[in-house]
Amino acid sequence: MAARVNGLHHVTSGVWGAQEDIDFFTQVVGQRMIKQTILFDGTVSFYHLYYANADAEIGSVSTTFPFSRMGISGRRGSGQINTTGYSVPHGSIPFWKDHLKRHNTEIVGEGERFGQKTLHFRHPAGLDFEMIEDKDDKTKGWTTKDIKADAAVRGFHSVAMSVRDIEEQDRFLTEGLGLEKVGIDGNYHRYRINEGGAQKTVDLVHVPDQKQGSWQFAPGIVHHVAFAVPTEKEQMEVKLHLEGLGYTDVSEIKDRNYFHSIYCRSPGGILCEVATCDIGFAIDEPKEHLGEKLLLPPWFEPRRAEIEAQLETIKVPQGAMAQ
C-alpha cells in the first residue's frame, strides 16, 4: 500500500544569529538561499530563511528562525529530530571532512549505518547534521567555488527522530502516515516512504533513558519536520485519517504562502507537518532570482516598515543565490 505522504518536504529549526546561519548553510553546507521572509505566527517579527538545492526542490529545503533576541536556548533531548541527514555522492566523505575543518565546523564523528558512510557535524547553534553517502540519489546539488558537483549536497537523505519508546511512534509512522519499517541497525529503526532512499527515509533513534527535550521556538532545536503531499486534497485525506486513528490534535490548514500546512504532535513528541507541493517558491519572485530580497505575504505587506525595523541587517554571500 502506498504511503499517505510522498517524502520529506522541509525541516525547520531555531538558530541564533541570521548572518551566522546564512554563512553556515551557504558556505559550509553549500546550499542555495531561496527565500527571505518572516515567521508568520506570533506578534514579534523574526526572519524565516530558506535554503535548498540547485532546483529548490521539495525534499532539500532547510528553513530556520534566528531567535537570538529571545535570549534562551532550546533543551536537546528525546521527542525531537535528533539529526538531519543530507545526501551526498558516494566517496565524498573525505572531501567533506577537509571542507568542514577549513570552515572550523565541529565534527562529531564518522560512522556507517545501514551500509552507508556518515559524517556527523554541528551547526553553530548546536543543531546536529550528517552527510550520508548515497550512490543512488540523482538529485542535482548546488555548487559553489569550493563545492563541485562530485561532492555537492543533493537534498535530504533522512531525518532521525529520538524517542524514549518505539511502539507508539512506530504506529504513528506506519498506520498514520503509511511508512514501512525496513530494518534495525543498533538503536536506529529505519522506515521508508514508498520506495525509500534519499528524501524518503525516516529513522527512529531509541533513547529510553534520555530526558525529554523542549518543544518551543528556540535556538538549538529542530521545531518540526514536514512531509510532502501534492495538494490540499491529499492533505485533507491525511488529516481525516489521523483524526480517525485518535490523533485529534491535527491543526486546521494554515496558509504558509509557498505551501499549505497541517501540524500534528506525534506520540513520541516530534511535531510533524504535512505540506502541499502545488504552490512553490516562485509565487512571489522568479525562480532565477530566489532569495535575493525580503518578501512578505500579502497580509503583512502593509506593515513592512515596522517589520524591517525589527530585523538584523544581513548579507548573502556571492554565489549563494542564482548562478
C-alpha atoms as a PDB file:
ATOM      1  CA  MET A   1       0.000   0.000   0.000  1.00  0.00           C
ATOM      2  CA  ALA A   2       1.317   3.446  -0.911  1.00  0.00           C
ATOM      3  CA  ALA A   3       2.296   5.844   1.856  1.00  0.00           C
ATOM      4  CA  ARG A   4      -0.049   8.754   2.545  1.00  0.00           C
ATOM      5  CA  VAL A   5       2.861  11.175   2.117  1.00  0.00           C
ATOM      6  CA  ASN A   6       5.305  11.350  -0.797  1.00  0.00           C
ATOM      7  CA  GLY A   7       8.557  12.117   1.008  1.00  0.00           C
ATOM      8  CA  LEU A   8      10.258  14.745   3.116  1.00  0.00           C
ATOM      9  CA  HIS A   9       9.244  18.343   2.355  1.00  0.00           C
ATOM     10  CA  HIS A  10      11.334  20.563   4.680  1.00  0.00           C
ATOM     11  CA  VAL A  11      12.929  20.710   8.134  1.00  0.00           C
ATOM     12  CA  THR A  12      12.580  23.836  10.299  1.00  0.00           C
ATOM     13  CA  SER A  13      14.933  24.751  13.157  1.00  0.00           C
ATOM     14  CA  GLY A  14      15.730  27.542  15.590  1.00  0.00           C
ATOM     15  CA  VAL A  15      19.170  29.184  15.370  1.00  0.00           C
ATOM     16  CA  TRP A  16      20.955  32.175  16.929  1.00  0.00           C
ATOM     17  CA  GLY A  17      22.016  34.958  14.537  1.00  0.00           C
ATOM     18  CA  ALA A  18      20.778  35.257  10.964  1.00  0.00           C
ATOM     19  CA  GLN A  19      24.190  36.034   9.432  1.00  0.00           C
ATOM     20  CA  GLU A  20      25.865  33.125  11.225  1.00  0.00           C
ATOM     21  CA  ASP A  21      23.126  30.847   9.905  1.00  0.00           C
ATOM     22  CA  ILE A  22      23.365  32.145   6.341  1.00  0.00           C
ATOM     23  CA  ASP A  23      27.128  31.617   6.318  1.00  0.00           C
ATOM     24  CA  PHE A  24      26.741  28.056   7.644  1.00  0.00           C
ATOM     25  CA  PHE A  25      24.172  26.885   5.108  1.00  0.00           C
ATOM     26  CA  THR A  26      25.554  28.680   2.064  1.00  0.00           C
ATOM     27  CA  GLN A  27      29.296  28.387   2.681  1.00  0.00           C
ATOM     28  CA  VAL A  28      29.670  25.256   4.822  1.00  0.00           C
ATOM     29  CA  VAL A  29      26.797  23.036   3.650  1.00  0.00           C
ATOM     30  CA  GLY A  30      26.760  24.671   0.223  1.00  0.00           C
ATOM     31  CA  GLN A  31      23.040  25.228  -0.137  1.00  0.00           C
ATOM     32  CA  ARG A  32      21.298  27.878  -2.181  1.00  0.00           C
ATOM     33  CA  MET A  33      19.470  30.715  -0.419  1.00  0.00           C
ATOM     34  CA  ILE A  34      15.949  30.511  -1.863  1.00  0.00           C
ATOM     35  CA  LYS A  35      13.795  32.683   0.378  1.00  0.00           C
ATOM     36  CA  GLN A  36      13.995  35.542   2.857  1.00  0.00           C
ATOM     37  CA  THR A  37      10.720  36.038   4.672  1.00  0.00           C
ATOM     38  CA  ILE A  38       9.471  36.136   8.285  1.00  0.00           C
ATOM     39  CA  LEU A  39       7.733  33.980  10.870  1.00  0.00           C
ATOM     40  CA  PHE A  40       4.003  34.100  10.120  1.00  0.00           C
ATOM     41  CA  ASP A  41       2.940  33.307  13.727  1.00  0.00           C
ATOM     42  CA  GLY A  42       3.093  35.335  16.944  1.00  0.00           C
ATOM     43  CA  THR A  43       3.488  39.072  17.472  1.00  0.00           C
ATOM     44  CA  VAL A  44       7.260  39.626  17.118  1.00  0.00           C
ATOM     45  CA  SER A  45       8.940  39.567  13.712  1.00  0.00           C
ATOM     46  CA  PHE A  46      11.785  37.117  13.110  1.00  0.00           C
ATOM     47  CA  TYR A  47      13.423  36.099   9.838  1.00  0.00           C
ATOM     48  CA  HIS A  48      12.333  32.841   8.242  1.00  0.00           C
ATOM     49  CA  LEU A  49      15.207  31.799   5.972  1.00  0.00           C
ATOM     50  CA  TYR A  50      15.029  29.012   3.372  1.00  0.00           C
ATOM     51  CA  TYR A  51      17.926  27.048   1.825  1.00  0.00           C
ATOM     52  CA  ALA A  52      17.739  24.312  -0.822  1.00  0.00           C
ATOM     53  CA  ASN A  53      19.478  22.506  -3.675  1.00  0.00           C
ATOM     54  CA  ALA A  54      20.090  23.707  -7.235  1.00  0.00           C
ATOM     55  CA  ASP A  55      16.473  23.441  -8.347  1.00  0.00           C
ATOM     56  CA  ALA A  56      14.937  24.472  -4.997  1.00  0.00           C
ATOM     57  CA  GLU A  57      13.279  21.075  -4.811  1.00  0.00           C
ATOM     58  CA  ILE A  58      10.948  19.768  -2.147  1.00  0.00           C
ATOM     59  CA  GLY A  59      12.953  17.338  -0.018  1.00  0.00           C
ATOM     60  CA  SER A  60      16.020  19.610   0.080  1.00  0.00           C
ATOM     61  CA  VAL A  61      14.676  22.617   1.988  1.00  0.00           C
ATOM     62  CA  SER A  62      16.105  23.598   5.374  1.00  0.00           C
ATOM     63  CA  THR A  63      14.350  26.568   6.966  1.00  0.00           C
ATOM     64  CA  THR A  64      15.456  28.465  10.056  1.00  0.00           C
ATOM     65  CA  PHE A  65      14.259  31.083  12.508  1.00  0.00           C
ATOM     66  CA  PRO A  66      17.085  33.212  14.021  1.00  0.00           C
ATOM     67  CA  PHE A  67      15.958  33.688  17.617  1.00  0.00           C
ATOM     68  CA  SER A  68      18.944  35.394  19.267  1.00  0.00           C
ATOM     69  CA  ARG A  69      16.691  38.195  20.550  1.00  0.00           C
ATOM     70  CA  MET A  70      14.754  35.713  22.705  1.00  0.00           C
ATOM     71  CA  GLY A  71      17.773  35.157  24.961  1.00  0.00           C
ATOM     72  CA  ILE A  72      17.019  31.463  25.595  1.00  0.00           C
ATOM     73  CA  SER A  73      18.275  28.130  24.250  1.00  0.00           C
ATOM     74  CA  GLY A  74      16.267  25.066  23.412  1.00  0.00           C
ATOM     75  CA  ARG A  75      16.923  21.960  25.516  1.00  0.00           C
ATOM     76  CA  ARG A  76      18.099  18.980  23.484  1.00  0.00           C
ATOM     77  CA  GLY A  77      16.610  15.585  24.314  1.00  0.00           C
ATOM     78  CA  SER A  78      14.130  12.924  23.296  1.00  0.00           C
ATOM     79  CA  GLY A  79      10.946  13.802  21.463  1.00  0.00           C
ATOM     80  CA  GLN A  80      12.822  15.806  18.838  1.00  0.00           C
ATOM     81  CA  ILE A  81      14.511  15.492  15.475  1.00  0.00           C
ATOM     82  CA  ASN A  82      17.898  14.266  16.667  1.00  0.00           C
ATOM     83  CA  THR A  83      19.804  14.642  13.382  1.00  0.00           C
ATOM     84  CA  THR A  84      19.045  15.930   9.894  1.00  0.00           C
ATOM     85  CA  GLY A  85      20.829  13.890   7.237  1.00  0.00           C
ATOM     86  CA  TYR A  86      21.946  15.262   3.866  1.00  0.00           C
ATOM     87  CA  SER A  87      22.533  13.040   0.841  1.00  0.00           C
ATOM     88  CA  VAL A  88      25.970  13.407  -0.755  1.00  0.00           C
ATOM     89  CA  PRO A  89      27.689  11.457  -3.571  1.00  0.00           C
ATOM     90  CA  HIS A  90      29.369   8.132  -2.912  1.00  0.00           C
ATOM     91  CA  GLY A  91      33.020   8.614  -1.968  1.00  0.00           C
ATOM     92  CA  SER A  92      32.661  12.290  -0.964  1.00  0.00           C
ATOM     93  CA  ILE A  93      33.071  11.964   2.830  1.00  0.00           C
ATOM     94  CA  PRO A  94      36.867  12.671   2.687  1.00  0.00           C
ATOM     95  CA  PHE A  95      36.125  15.941   0.862  1.00  0.00           C
ATOM     96  CA  TRP A  96      33.547  16.914   3.460  1.00  0.00           C
ATOM     97  CA  LYS A  97      35.916  16.209   6.351  1.00  0.00           C
ATOM     98  CA  ASP A  98      38.501  18.579   4.868  1.00  0.00           C
ATOM     99  CA  HIS A  99      35.900  21.164   3.901  1.00  0.00           C
ATOM    100  CA  LEU A 100      34.333  21.247   7.379  1.00  0.00           C
ATOM    101  CA  LYS A 101      37.755  21.565   9.008  1.00  0.00           C
ATOM    102  CA  ARG A 102      38.626  24.507   6.731  1.00  0.00           C
ATOM    103  CA  HIS A 103      35.456  26.238   7.926  1.00  0.00           C
ATOM    104  CA  ASN A 104      36.166  25.483  11.613  1.00  0.00           C
ATOM    105  CA  THR A 105      32.971  23.434  11.840  1.00  0.00           C
ATOM    106  CA  GLU A 106      32.632  20.979  14.713  1.00  0.00           C
ATOM    107  CA  ILE A 107      32.923  17.377  13.506  1.00  0.00           C
ATOM    108  CA  VAL A 108      31.342  14.933  15.942  1.00  0.00           C
ATOM    109  CA  GLY A 109      32.475  11.754  14.230  1.00  0.00           C
ATOM    110  CA  GLU A 110      32.394   9.357  11.287  1.00  0.00           C
ATOM    111  CA  GLY A 111      30.431   6.130  11.059  1.00  0.00           C
ATOM    112  CA  GLU A 112      28.409   3.741   8.966  1.00  0.00           C
ATOM    113  CA  ARG A 113      24.708   2.981   9.211  1.00  0.00           C
ATOM    114  CA  PHE A 114      22.609   0.659   7.082  1.00  0.00           C
ATOM    115  CA  GLY A 115      25.656   0.197   4.832  1.00  0.00           C
ATOM    116  CA  GLN A 116      26.146   3.928   4.162  1.00  0.00           C
ATOM    117  CA  LYS A 117      29.051   6.082   5.365  1.00  0.00           C
ATOM    118  CA  THR A 118      28.143   9.040   7.558  1.00  0.00           C
ATOM    119  CA  LEU A 119      29.847  12.198   8.803  1.00  0.00           C
ATOM    120  CA  HIS A 120      28.266  13.890  11.836  1.00  0.00           C
ATOM    121  CA  PHE A 121      28.800  17.662  12.293  1.00  0.00           C
ATOM    122  CA  ARG A 122      27.211  20.618  14.080  1.00  0.00           C
ATOM    123  CA  HIS A 123      25.658  23.963  13.270  1.00  0.00           C
ATOM    124  CA  PRO A 124      26.957  26.867  15.428  1.00  0.00           C
ATOM    125  CA  ALA A 125      23.618  26.807  17.286  1.00  0.00           C
ATOM    126  CA  GLY A 126      24.196  23.162  18.268  1.00  0.00           C
ATOM    127  CA  LEU A 127      21.958  21.523  15.665  1.00  0.00           C
ATOM    128  CA  ASP A 128      23.174  18.097  14.541  1.00  0.00           C
ATOM    129  CA  PHE A 129      23.619  17.236  10.860  1.00  0.00           C
ATOM    130  CA  GLU A 130      25.079  14.333   8.915  1.00  0.00           C
ATOM    131  CA  MET A 131      26.444  13.894   5.431  1.00  0.00           C
ATOM    132  CA  ILE A 132      25.290  10.450   4.269  1.00  0.00           C
ATOM    133  CA  GLU A 133      26.784   8.897   1.148  1.00  0.00           C
ATOM    134  CA  ASP A 134      24.067   7.654  -1.233  1.00  0.00           C
ATOM    135  CA  LYS A 135      25.130   6.249  -4.595  1.00  0.00           C
ATOM    136  CA  ASP A 136      21.555   6.064  -5.904  1.00  0.00           C
ATOM    137  CA  ASP A 137      20.450   9.680  -5.388  1.00  0.00           C
ATOM    138  CA  LYS A 138      20.398  11.524  -8.730  1.00  0.00           C
ATOM    139  CA  THR A 139      19.085  14.855  -7.407  1.00  0.00           C
ATOM    140  CA  LYS A 140      21.063  17.888  -8.588  1.00  0.00           C
ATOM    141  CA  GLY A 141      23.196  19.607  -5.941  1.00  0.00           C
ATOM    142  CA  TRP A 142      24.009  23.312  -5.722  1.00  0.00           C
ATOM    143  CA  THR A 143      27.649  24.017  -6.499  1.00  0.00           C
ATOM    144  CA  THR A 144      29.933  26.778  -5.237  1.00  0.00           C
ATOM    145  CA  LYS A 145      33.527  27.781  -5.916  1.00  0.00           C
ATOM    146  CA  ASP A 146      34.581  25.330  -3.189  1.00  0.00           C
ATOM    147  CA  ILE A 147      31.989  22.565  -3.630  1.00  0.00           C
ATOM    148  CA  LYS A 148      31.788  20.848  -7.008  1.00  0.00           C
ATOM    149  CA  ALA A 149      29.124  18.513  -8.380  1.00  0.00           C
ATOM    150  CA  ASP A 150      31.012  15.372  -7.330  1.00  0.00           C
ATOM    151  CA  ALA A 151      30.565  16.348  -3.658  1.00  0.00           C
ATOM    152  CA  ALA A 152      27.580  18.724  -3.551  1.00  0.00           C
ATOM    153  CA  VAL A 153      24.649  18.121  -1.214  1.00  0.00           C
ATOM    154  CA  ARG A 154      21.685  16.893  -3.290  1.00  0.00           C
ATOM    155  CA  GLY A 155      18.979  17.271  -0.660  1.00  0.00           C
ATOM    156  CA  PHE A 156      17.915  15.447   2.469  1.00  0.00           C
ATOM    157  CA  HIS A 157      18.714  11.813   2.930  1.00  0.00           C
ATOM    158  CA  SER A 158      16.646  11.306   6.089  1.00  0.00           C
ATOM    159  CA  VAL A 159      15.667  12.651   9.478  1.00  0.00           C
ATOM    160  CA  ALA A 160      16.352  10.803  12.740  1.00  0.00           C
ATOM    161  CA  MET A 161      13.689  11.141  15.439  1.00  0.00           C
ATOM    162  CA  SER A 162      14.825  10.482  19.032  1.00  0.00           C
ATOM    163  CA  VAL A 163      12.170   8.694  21.106  1.00  0.00           C
ATOM    164  CA  ARG A 164      12.080   7.104  24.561  1.00  0.00           C
ATOM    165  CA  ASP A 165       9.631   4.452  23.329  1.00  0.00           C
ATOM    166  CA  ILE A 166       9.450   2.979  19.833  1.00  0.00           C
ATOM    167  CA  GLU A 167       5.999   1.365  19.824  1.00  0.00           C
ATOM    168  CA  GLU A 168       3.648   4.363  19.611  1.00  0.00           C
ATOM    169  CA  GLN A 169       5.857   6.392  17.276  1.00  0.00           C
ATOM    170  CA  ASP A 170       6.066   3.300  15.061  1.00  0.00           C
ATOM    171  CA  ARG A 171       2.258   3.178  14.987  1.00  0.00           C
ATOM    172  CA  PHE A 172       2.056   6.838  14.004  1.00  0.00           C
ATOM    173  CA  LEU A 173       4.534   6.385  11.149  1.00  0.00           C
ATOM    174  CA  THR A 174       3.134   3.097   9.815  1.00  0.00           C
ATOM    175  CA  GLU A 175      -0.613   3.258  10.480  1.00  0.00           C
ATOM    176  CA  GLY A 176      -0.838   7.045  10.404  1.00  0.00           C
ATOM    177  CA  LEU A 177       1.440   8.077   7.524  1.00  0.00           C
ATOM    178  CA  GLY A 178       1.785   4.720   5.786  1.00  0.00           C
ATOM    179  CA  LEU A 179       5.550   4.285   6.101  1.00  0.00           C
ATOM    180  CA  GLU A 180       7.100   0.812   6.073  1.00  0.00           C
ATOM    181  CA  LYS A 181       9.668  -0.396   8.587  1.00  0.00           C
ATOM    182  CA  VAL A 182      12.636  -1.898   6.741  1.00  0.00           C
ATOM    183  CA  GLY A 183      15.400  -2.564   9.272  1.00  0.00           C
ATOM    184  CA  ILE A 184      17.246  -2.023  12.541  1.00  0.00           C
ATOM    185  CA  ASP A 185      20.904  -1.013  12.971  1.00  0.00           C
ATOM    186  CA  GLY A 186      21.854  -0.656  16.628  1.00  0.00           C
ATOM    187  CA  ASN A 187      19.355   1.735  18.210  1.00  0.00           C
ATOM    188  CA  TYR A 188      18.265   3.057  14.790  1.00  0.00           C
ATOM    189  CA  HIS A 189      14.947   1.785  13.377  1.00  0.00           C
ATOM    190  CA  ARG A 190      14.543   2.628   9.683  1.00  0.00           C
ATOM    191  CA  TYR A 191      11.323   3.423   7.810  1.00  0.00           C
ATOM    192  CA  ARG A 192      10.814   4.163   4.147  1.00  0.00           C
ATOM    193  CA  ILE A 193       8.279   6.283   2.322  1.00  0.00           C
ATOM    194  CA  ASN A 194       7.132   4.285  -0.712  1.00  0.00           C
ATOM    195  CA  GLU A 195      10.326   3.093  -2.475  1.00  0.00           C
ATOM    196  CA  GLY A 196      12.573   4.710   0.134  1.00  0.00           C
ATOM    197  CA  GLY A 197      16.049   6.105  -0.426  1.00  0.00           C
ATOM    198  CA  ALA A 198      17.104   9.740  -0.280  1.00  0.00           C
ATOM    199  CA  GLN A 199      14.358  12.199   0.664  1.00  0.00           C
ATOM    200  CA  LYS A 200      12.109   9.230   1.549  1.00  0.00           C
ATOM    201  CA  THR A 201      13.637   7.864   4.763  1.00  0.00           C
ATOM    202  CA  VAL A 202      12.896   8.312   8.466  1.00  0.00           C
ATOM    203  CA  ASP A 203      14.865   6.787  11.347  1.00  0.00           C
ATOM    204  CA  LEU A 204      13.707   6.358  14.920  1.00  0.00           C
ATOM    205  CA  VAL A 205      16.551   6.520  17.430  1.00  0.00           C
ATOM    206  CA  HIS A 206      15.653   4.610  20.597  1.00  0.00           C
ATOM    207  CA  VAL A 207      16.904   6.580  23.629  1.00  0.00           C
ATOM    208  CA  PRO A 208      14.927   5.135  26.563  1.00  0.00           C
ATOM    209  CA  ASP A 209      16.945   6.948  29.228  1.00  0.00           C
ATOM    210  CA  GLN A 210      17.151  10.372  27.618  1.00  0.00           C
ATOM    211  CA  LYS A 211      15.257  13.263  29.194  1.00  0.00           C
ATOM    212  CA  GLN A 212      12.605  14.870  27.010  1.00  0.00           C
ATOM    213  CA  GLY A 213      13.745  17.953  25.117  1.00  0.00           C
ATOM    214  CA  SER A 214      11.881  21.242  24.834  1.00  0.00           C
ATOM    215  CA  TRP A 215       9.309  21.926  22.113  1.00  0.00           C
ATOM    216  CA  GLN A 216       9.090  25.716  21.860  1.00  0.00           C
ATOM    217  CA  PHE A 217      10.616  28.025  19.276  1.00  0.00           C
ATOM    218  CA  ALA A 218      14.231  28.356  20.447  1.00  0.00           C
ATOM    219  CA  PRO A 219      17.801  28.222  19.128  1.00  0.00           C
ATOM    220  CA  GLY A 220      19.438  24.809  19.012  1.00  0.00           C
ATOM    221  CA  ILE A 221      16.465  22.545  18.353  1.00  0.00           C
ATOM    222  CA  VAL A 222      14.513  21.395  15.323  1.00  0.00           C
ATOM    223  CA  HIS A 223      10.968  22.709  15.614  1.00  0.00           C
ATOM    224  CA  HIS A 224       9.321  20.348  13.115  1.00  0.00           C
ATOM    225  CA  VAL A 225       9.739  18.091  10.121  1.00  0.00           C
ATOM    226  CA  ALA A 226       7.365  18.428   7.156  1.00  0.00           C
ATOM    227  CA  PHE A 227       6.193  15.636   4.886  1.00  0.00           C
ATOM    228  CA  ALA A 228       5.073  16.298   1.314  1.00  0.00           C
ATOM    229  CA  VAL A 229       1.699  15.758  -0.349  1.00  0.00           C
ATOM    230  CA  PRO A 230       0.635  17.037  -3.796  1.00  0.00           C
ATOM    231  CA  THR A 231      -2.372  19.207  -2.908  1.00  0.00           C
ATOM    232  CA  GLU A 232      -4.908  20.066  -0.207  1.00  0.00           C
ATOM    233  CA  LYS A 233      -6.988  17.089  -1.348  1.00  0.00           C
ATOM    234  CA  GLU A 234      -4.357  14.606  -0.197  1.00  0.00           C
ATOM    235  CA  GLN A 235      -3.596  16.776   2.825  1.00  0.00           C
ATOM    236  CA  MET A 236      -7.202  16.590   3.989  1.00  0.00           C
ATOM    237  CA  GLU A 237      -7.177  12.827   3.483  1.00  0.00           C
ATOM    238  CA  VAL A 238      -4.164  12.589   5.815  1.00  0.00           C
ATOM    239  CA  LYS A 239      -5.841  14.872   8.352  1.00  0.00           C
ATOM    240  CA  LEU A 240      -9.056  12.845   8.435  1.00  0.00           C
ATOM    241  CA  HIS A 241      -7.149   9.563   8.593  1.00  0.00           C
ATOM    242  CA  LEU A 242      -5.025  10.711  11.544  1.00  0.00           C
ATOM    243  CA  GLU A 243      -8.073  12.039  13.366  1.00  0.00           C
ATOM    244  CA  GLY A 244      -9.841   8.721  12.737  1.00  0.00           C
ATOM    245  CA  LEU A 245      -6.933   6.946  14.464  1.00  0.00           C
ATOM    246  CA  GLY A 246      -7.349   9.188  17.510  1.00  0.00           C
ATOM    247  CA  TYR A 247      -4.741  11.877  16.771  1.00  0.00           C
ATOM    248  CA  THR A 248      -7.344  14.553  17.298  1.00  0.00           C
ATOM    249  CA  ASP A 249      -4.967  17.491  17.721  1.00  0.00           C
ATOM    250  CA  VAL A 250      -4.283  17.799  13.979  1.00  0.00           C
ATOM    251  CA  SER A 251      -4.385  21.514  13.163  1.00  0.00           C
ATOM    252  CA  GLU A 252      -6.569  23.222  10.639  1.00  0.00           C
ATOM    253  CA  ILE A 253      -4.957  24.080   7.286  1.00  0.00           C
ATOM    254  CA  LYS A 254      -2.597  27.055   7.580  1.00  0.00           C
ATOM    255  CA  ASP A 255      -1.555  29.269   4.663  1.00  0.00           C
ATOM    256  CA  ARG A 256       2.267  29.443   4.547  1.00  0.00           C
ATOM    257  CA  ASN A 257       2.221  31.340   1.219  1.00  0.00           C
ATOM    258  CA  TYR A 258       4.559  28.834  -0.524  1.00  0.00           C
ATOM    259  CA  PHE A 259       2.575  25.790   0.643  1.00  0.00           C
ATOM    260  CA  HIS A 260      -0.388  24.962   2.852  1.00  0.00           C
ATOM    261  CA  SER A 261       0.230  23.060   6.074  1.00  0.00           C
ATOM    262  CA  ILE A 262      -1.324  20.980   8.808  1.00  0.00           C
ATOM    263  CA  TYR A 263       0.504  20.014  12.017  1.00  0.00           C
ATOM    264  CA  CYS A 264       0.240  17.103  14.430  1.00  0.00           C
ATOM    265  CA  ARG A 265       2.252  16.375  17.592  1.00  0.00           C
ATOM    266  CA  SER A 266       3.234  12.730  17.176  1.00  0.00           C
ATOM    267  CA  PRO A 267       3.193  10.313  20.155  1.00  0.00           C
ATOM    268  CA  GLY A 268       6.966  10.450  20.568  1.00  0.00           C
ATOM    269  CA  GLY A 269       6.826  14.239  20.854  1.00  0.00           C
ATOM    270  CA  ILE A 270       8.065  15.232  17.393  1.00  0.00           C
ATOM    271  CA  LEU A 271       5.942  17.881  15.686  1.00  0.00           C
ATOM    272  CA  CYS A 272       5.080  16.642  12.188  1.00  0.00           C
ATOM    273  CA  GLU A 273       3.762  18.856   9.408  1.00  0.00           C
ATOM    274  CA  VAL A 274       2.119  17.775   6.166  1.00  0.00           C
ATOM    275  CA  ALA A 275       2.747  20.388   3.451  1.00  0.00           C
ATOM    276  CA  THR A 276       1.474  20.737  -0.101  1.00  0.00           C
ATOM    277  CA  CYS A 277       3.682  20.952  -3.217  1.00  0.00           C
ATOM    278  CA  ASP A 278       1.351  22.785  -5.631  1.00  0.00           C
ATOM    279  CA  ILE A 279       2.271  26.429  -4.909  1.00  0.00           C
ATOM    280  CA  GLY A 280       6.058  26.645  -4.815  1.00  0.00           C
ATOM    281  CA  PHE A 281       8.735  29.219  -4.089  1.00  0.00           C
ATOM    282  CA  ALA A 282       8.391  31.149  -7.362  1.00  0.00           C
ATOM    283  CA  ILE A 283       4.966  32.538  -6.463  1.00  0.00           C
ATOM    284  CA  ASP A 284       6.431  35.930  -5.480  1.00  0.00           C
ATOM    285  CA  GLU A 285       9.803  36.074  -7.286  1.00  0.00           C
ATOM    286  CA  PRO A 286      11.267  34.461 -10.431  1.00  0.00           C
ATOM    287  CA  LYS A 287      12.964  31.103  -9.919  1.00  0.00           C
ATOM    288  CA  GLU A 288      16.276  32.514 -11.176  1.00  0.00           C
ATOM    289  CA  HIS A 289      16.157  35.271  -8.501  1.00  0.00           C
ATOM    290  CA  LEU A 290      15.031  33.318  -5.453  1.00  0.00           C
ATOM    291  CA  GLY A 291      16.255  34.575  -2.102  1.00  0.00           C
ATOM    292  CA  GLU A 292      17.532  37.967  -3.208  1.00  0.00           C
ATOM    293  CA  LYS A 293      15.318  40.203  -1.055  1.00  0.00           C
ATOM    294  CA  LEU A 294      12.928  40.177   1.883  1.00  0.00           C
ATOM    295  CA  LEU A 295       9.478  39.047   0.809  1.00  0.00           C
ATOM    296  CA  LEU A 296       6.308  39.296   2.879  1.00  0.00           C
ATOM    297  CA  PRO A 297       2.954  37.603   2.344  1.00  0.00           C
ATOM    298  CA  PRO A 298       0.197  39.990   1.193  1.00  0.00           C
ATOM    299  CA  TRP A 299      -1.336  40.230   4.669  1.00  0.00           C
ATOM    300  CA  PHE A 300       1.947  41.531   6.162  1.00  0.00           C
ATOM    301  CA  GLU A 301       2.918  43.928   3.373  1.00  0.00           C
ATOM    302  CA  PRO A 302       1.195  46.990   4.954  1.00  0.00           C
ATOM    303  CA  ARG A 303       3.487  46.514   7.993  1.00  0.00           C
ATOM    304  CA  ARG A 304       6.740  46.255   6.012  1.00  0.00           C
ATOM    305  CA  ALA A 305       8.497  49.280   7.574  1.00  0.00           C
ATOM    306  CA  GLU A 306       7.615  48.136  11.100  1.00  0.00           C
ATOM    307  CA  ILE A 307       8.751  44.572  10.375  1.00  0.00           C
ATOM    308  CA  GLU A 308      12.034  45.539   8.717  1.00  0.00           C
ATOM    309  CA  ALA A 309      12.916  47.710  11.722  1.00  0.00           C
ATOM    310  CA  GLN A 310      12.874  44.580  13.920  1.00  0.00           C
ATOM    311  CA  LEU A 311      15.240  42.547  11.725  1.00  0.00           C
ATOM    312  CA  GLU A 312      19.038  42.478  11.733  1.00  0.00           C
ATOM    313  CA  THR A 313      20.942  43.520   8.622  1.00  0.00           C
ATOM    314  CA  ILE A 314      22.168  40.533   6.636  1.00  0.00           C
ATOM    315  CA  LYS A 315      24.396  39.897   3.647  1.00  0.00           C
ATOM    316  CA  VAL A 316      24.025  36.843   1.435  1.00  0.00           C
ATOM    317  CA  PRO A 317      27.489  35.732   0.205  1.00  0.00           C
ATOM    318  CA  GLN A 318      28.235  35.833  -3.508  1.00  0.00           C
ATOM    319  CA  GLY A 319      27.404  32.544  -5.172  1.00  0.00           C
ATOM    320  CA  ALA A 320      24.671  31.650  -2.659  1.00  0.00           C
ATOM    321  CA  MET A 321      21.844  32.727  -4.975  1.00  0.00           C
ATOM    322  CA  ALA A 322      21.098  32.279  -8.680  1.00  0.00           C
ATOM    323  CA  GLN A 323      24.025  31.149 -10.875  1.00  0.00           C
END
